[in-house]
Amino acid sequence: MAEDNRIKEVFSEIVKKLDYNKDGKVDIQDIIVLAIRTPGIHV
């Protein structure tokens, strides 16, 4: 059970880092913002 909690914590932290528009989910809008902020990637 401790491993399950740790997995949920890690997943939550990943979503927080990738959720640029702060709507609680990672979607295409977040990926576009990530691509724009990444040098060398053109959208």
PDB file of N, CA and C in Angstrom:
ATOM      1  N   MET A   1       0.811  -1.204   0.000  1.00  0.00           N
ATOM      2  CA  MET A   1       0.000   0.000   0.000  1.00  0.00           C
ATOM      3  C   MET A   1       0.852   1.265   0.000  1.00  0.00           C
ATOM      4  N   ALA A   2       1.985   1.225   0.653  1.00  0.00           N
ATOM      5  CA  ALA A   2       2.853   2.401   0.686  1.00  0.00           C
ATOM      6  C   ALA A   2       3.363   2.734  -0.715  1.00  0.00           C
ATOM      7  N   GLU A   3       3.609   1.682  -1.512  1.00  0.00           N
ATOM      8  CA  GLU A   3       4.068   1.909  -2.882  1.00  0.00           C
ATOM      9  C   GLU A   3       2.978   2.581  -3.710  1.00  0.00           C
ATOM     10  N   ASP A   4       1.715   2.185  -3.502  1.00  0.00           N
ATOM     11  CA  ASP A   4       0.600   2.801  -4.226  1.00  0.00           C
ATOM     12  C   ASP A   4       0.495   4.284  -3.911  1.00  0.00           C
ATOM     13  N   ASN A   5       0.655   4.627  -2.639  1.00  0.00           N
ATOM     14  CA  ASN A   5       0.599   6.035  -2.248  1.00  0.00           C
ATOM     15  C   ASN A   5       1.740   6.819  -2.865  1.00  0.00           C
ATOM     16  N   ARG A   6       2.911   6.226  -2.909  1.00  0.00           N
ATOM     17  CA  ARG A   6       4.071   6.897  -3.493  1.00  0.00           C
ATOM     18  C   ARG A   6       3.870   7.124  -4.995  1.00  0.00           C
ATOM     19  N   ILE A   7       3.299   6.135  -5.669  1.00  0.00           N
ATOM     20  CA  ILE A   7       3.030   6.268  -7.099  1.00  0.00           C
ATOM     21  C   ILE A   7       2.041   7.403  -7.346  1.00  0.00           C
ATOM     22  N   LYS A   8       1.008   7.486  -6.529  1.00  0.00           N
ATOM     23  CA  LYS A   8       0.019   8.562  -6.667  1.00  0.00           C
ATOM     24  C   LYS A   8       0.647   9.924  -6.403  1.00  0.00           C
ATOM     25  N   GLU A   9       1.543  10.007  -5.430  1.00  0.00           N
ATOM     26  CA  GLU A   9       2.232  11.265  -5.131  1.00  0.00           C
ATOM     27  C   GLU A   9       3.106  11.701  -6.309  1.00  0.00           C
ATOM     28  N   VAL A  10       3.843  10.757  -6.865  1.00  0.00           N
ATOM     29  CA  VAL A  10       4.731  11.068  -7.991  1.00  0.00           C
ATOM     30  C   VAL A  10       3.907  11.491  -9.200  1.00  0.00           C
ATOM     31  N   PHE A  11       2.826  10.771  -9.486  1.00  0.00           N
ATOM     32  CA  PHE A  11       1.959  11.122 -10.612  1.00  0.00           C
ATOM     33  C   PHE A  11       1.388  12.524 -10.425  1.00  0.00           C
ATOM     34  N   SER A  12       0.974  12.838  -9.220  1.00  0.00           N
ATOM     35  CA  SER A  12       0.418  14.161  -8.923  1.00  0.00           C
ATOM     36  C   SER A  12       1.457  15.253  -9.149  1.00  0.00           C
ATOM     37  N   GLU A  13       2.688  15.032  -8.743  1.00  0.00           N
ATOM     38  CA  GLU A  13       3.756  16.009  -8.941  1.00  0.00           C
ATOM     39  C   GLU A  13       4.070  16.194 -10.428  1.00  0.00           C
ATOM     40  N   ILE A  14       4.041  15.112 -11.196  1.00  0.00           N
ATOM     41  CA  ILE A  14       4.293  15.212 -12.632  1.00  0.00           C
ATOM     42  C   ILE A  14       3.202  16.047 -13.296  1.00  0.00           C
ATOM     43  N   VAL A  15       1.945  15.792 -12.919  1.00  0.00           N
ATOM     44  CA  VAL A  15       0.839  16.555 -13.493  1.00  0.00           C
ATOM     45  C   VAL A  15       0.970  18.028 -13.129  1.00  0.00           C
ATOM     46  N   LYS A  16       1.371  18.323 -11.897  1.00  0.00           N
ATOM     47  CA  LYS A  16       1.546  19.721 -11.483  1.00  0.00           C
ATOM     48  C   LYS A  16       2.609  20.410 -12.330  1.00  0.00           C
ATOM     49  N   LYS A  17       3.685  19.713 -12.648  1.00  0.00           N
ATOM     50  CA  LYS A  17       4.766  20.309 -13.434  1.00  0.00           C
ATOM     51  C   LYS A  17       4.372  20.517 -14.896  1.00  0.00           C
ATOM     52  N   LEU A  18       3.565  19.620 -15.463  1.00  0.00           N
ATOM     53  CA  LEU A  18       3.210  19.702 -16.871  1.00  0.00           C
ATOM     54  C   LEU A  18       1.939  20.496 -17.127  1.00  0.00           C
ATOM     55  N   ASP A  19       1.178  20.804 -16.083  1.00  0.00           N
ATOM     56  CA  ASP A  19      -0.101  21.512 -16.233  1.00  0.00           C
ATOM     57  C   ASP A  19       0.139  23.015 -16.237  1.00  0.00           C
ATOM     58  N   TYR A  20       0.456  23.554 -17.421  1.00  0.00           N
ATOM     59  CA  TYR A  20       0.821  24.963 -17.529  1.00  0.00           C
ATOM     60  C   TYR A  20      -0.367  25.900 -17.375  1.00  0.00           C
ATOM     61  N   ASN A  21      -1.565  25.486 -17.803  1.00  0.00           N
ATOM     62  CA  ASN A  21      -2.709  26.379 -17.679  1.00  0.00           C
ATOM     63  C   ASN A  21      -3.507  26.148 -16.396  1.00  0.00           C
ATOM     64  N   LYS A  22      -3.027  25.286 -15.543  1.00  0.00           N
ATOM     65  CA  LYS A  22      -3.563  25.052 -14.185  1.00  0.00           C
ATOM     66  C   LYS A  22      -5.041  24.672 -14.169  1.00  0.00           C
ATOM     67  N   ASP A  23      -5.456  23.801 -15.117  1.00  0.00           N
ATOM     68  CA  ASP A  23      -6.832  23.324 -15.105  1.00  0.00           C
ATOM     69  C   ASP A  23      -6.973  21.929 -14.499  1.00  0.00           C
ATOM     70  N   GLY A  24      -5.885  21.371 -14.003  1.00  0.00           N
ATOM     71  CA  GLY A  24      -5.924  20.087 -13.315  1.00  0.00           C
ATOM     72  C   GLY A  24      -5.710  18.871 -14.187  1.00  0.00           C
ATOM     73  N   LYS A  25      -5.448  19.082 -15.477  1.00  0.00           N
ATOM     74  CA  LYS A  25      -5.181  17.955 -16.365  1.00  0.00           C
ATOM     75  C   LYS A  25      -4.148  18.371 -17.404  1.00  0.00           C
ATOM     76  N   VAL A  26      -3.454  17.386 -17.927  1.00  0.00           N
ATOM     77  CA  VAL A  26      -2.464  17.637 -18.974  1.00  0.00           C
ATOM     78  C   VAL A  26      -3.140  17.334 -20.308  1.00  0.00           C
ATOM     79  N   ASP A  27      -3.284  18.362 -21.139  1.00  0.00           N
ATOM     80  CA  ASP A  27      -3.939  18.194 -22.425  1.00  0.00           C
ATOM     81  C   ASP A  27      -3.120  18.873 -23.516  1.00  0.00           C
ATOM     82  N   ILE A  28      -3.684  18.965 -24.706  1.00  0.00           N
ATOM     83  CA  ILE A  28      -2.947  19.495 -25.857  1.00  0.00           C
ATOM     84  C   ILE A  28      -2.486  20.932 -25.632  1.00  0.00           C
ATOM     85  N   GLN A  29      -3.254  21.718 -24.912  1.00  0.00           N
ATOM     86  CA  GLN A  29      -2.857  23.102 -24.645  1.00  0.00           C
ATOM     87  C   GLN A  29      -1.554  23.142 -23.847  1.00  0.00           C
ATOM     88  N   ASP A  30      -1.437  22.264 -22.875  1.00  0.00           N
ATOM     89  CA  ASP A  30      -0.222  22.213 -22.066  1.00  0.00           C
ATOM     90  C   ASP A  30       0.970  21.758 -22.905  1.00  0.00           C
ATOM     91  N   ILE A  31       0.749  20.805 -23.801  1.00  0.00           N
ATOM     92  CA  ILE A  31       1.834  20.312 -24.659  1.00  0.00           C
ATOM     93  C   ILE A  31       2.303  21.414 -25.606  1.00  0.00           C
ATOM     94  N   ILE A  32       1.365  22.209 -26.136  1.00  0.00           N
ATOM     95  CA  ILE A  32       1.737  23.315 -27.024  1.00  0.00           C
ATOM     96  C   ILE A  32       2.572  24.342 -26.266  1.00  0.00           C
ATOM     97  N   VAL A  33       2.163  24.691 -25.059  1.00  0.00           N
ATOM     98  CA  VAL A  33       2.931  25.649 -24.251  1.00  0.00           C
ATOM     99  C   VAL A  33       4.318  25.086 -23.955  1.00  0.00           C
ATOM    100  N   LEU A  34       4.394  23.807 -23.631  1.00  0.00           N
ATOM    101  CA  LEU A  34       5.683  23.165 -23.368  1.00  0.00           C
ATOM    102  C   LEU A  34       6.566  23.227 -24.608  1.00  0.00           C
ATOM    103  N   ALA A  35       5.983  22.972 -25.776  1.00  0.00           N
ATOM    104  CA  ALA A  35       6.759  23.006 -27.019  1.00  0.00           C
ATOM    105  C   ALA A  35       7.257  24.414 -27.319  1.00  0.00           C
ATOM    106  N   ILE A  36       6.422  25.414 -27.063  1.00  0.00           N
ATOM    107  CA  ILE A  36       6.827  26.799 -27.319  1.00  0.00           C
ATOM    108  C   ILE A  36       7.973  27.212 -26.400  1.00  0.00           C
ATOM    109  N   ARG A  37       7.958  26.720 -25.188  1.00  0.00           N
ATOM    110  CA  ARG A  37       9.003  27.087 -24.217  1.00  0.00           C
ATOM    111  C   ARG A  37      10.294  26.294 -24.415  1.00  0.00           C
ATOM    112  N   THR A  38      10.252  25.221 -25.221  1.00  0.00           N
ATOM    113  CA  THR A  38      11.430  24.386 -25.421  1.00  0.00           C
ATOM    114  C   THR A  38      12.221  24.898 -26.619  1.00  0.00           C
ATOM    115  N   PRO A  39      13.477  25.286 -26.408  1.00  0.00           N
ATOM    116  CA  PRO A  39      14.292  25.777 -27.524  1.00  0.00           C
ATOM    117  C   PRO A  39      14.492  24.709 -28.585  1.00  0.00           C
ATOM    118  N   GLY A  40      14.386  25.104 -29.832  1.00  0.00           N
ATOM    119  CA  GLY A  40      14.635  24.179 -30.933  1.00  0.00           C
ATOM    120  C   GLY A  40      13.406  23.478 -31.451  1.00  0.00           C
ATOM    121  N   ILE A  41      12.272  23.600 -30.765  1.00  0.00           N
ATOM    122  CA  ILE A  41      11.031  22.975 -31.216  1.00  0.00           C
ATOM    123  C   ILE A  41      10.130  24.060 -31.779  1.00  0.00           C
ATOM    124  N   HIS A  42       9.636  23.842 -32.999  1.00  0.00           N
ATOM    125  CA  HIS A  42       8.777  24.812 -33.679  1.00  0.00           C
ATOM    126  C   HIS A  42       7.394  24.221 -33.849  1.00  0.00           C
ATOM    127  N   VAL A  43       6.388  25.028 -33.528  1.00  0.00           N
ATOM    128  CA  VAL A  43       5.001  24.566 -33.668  1.00  0.00           C
ATOM    129  C   VAL A  43       4.359  25.311 -34.817  1.00  0.00           C
TER     130      VAL A  43
END
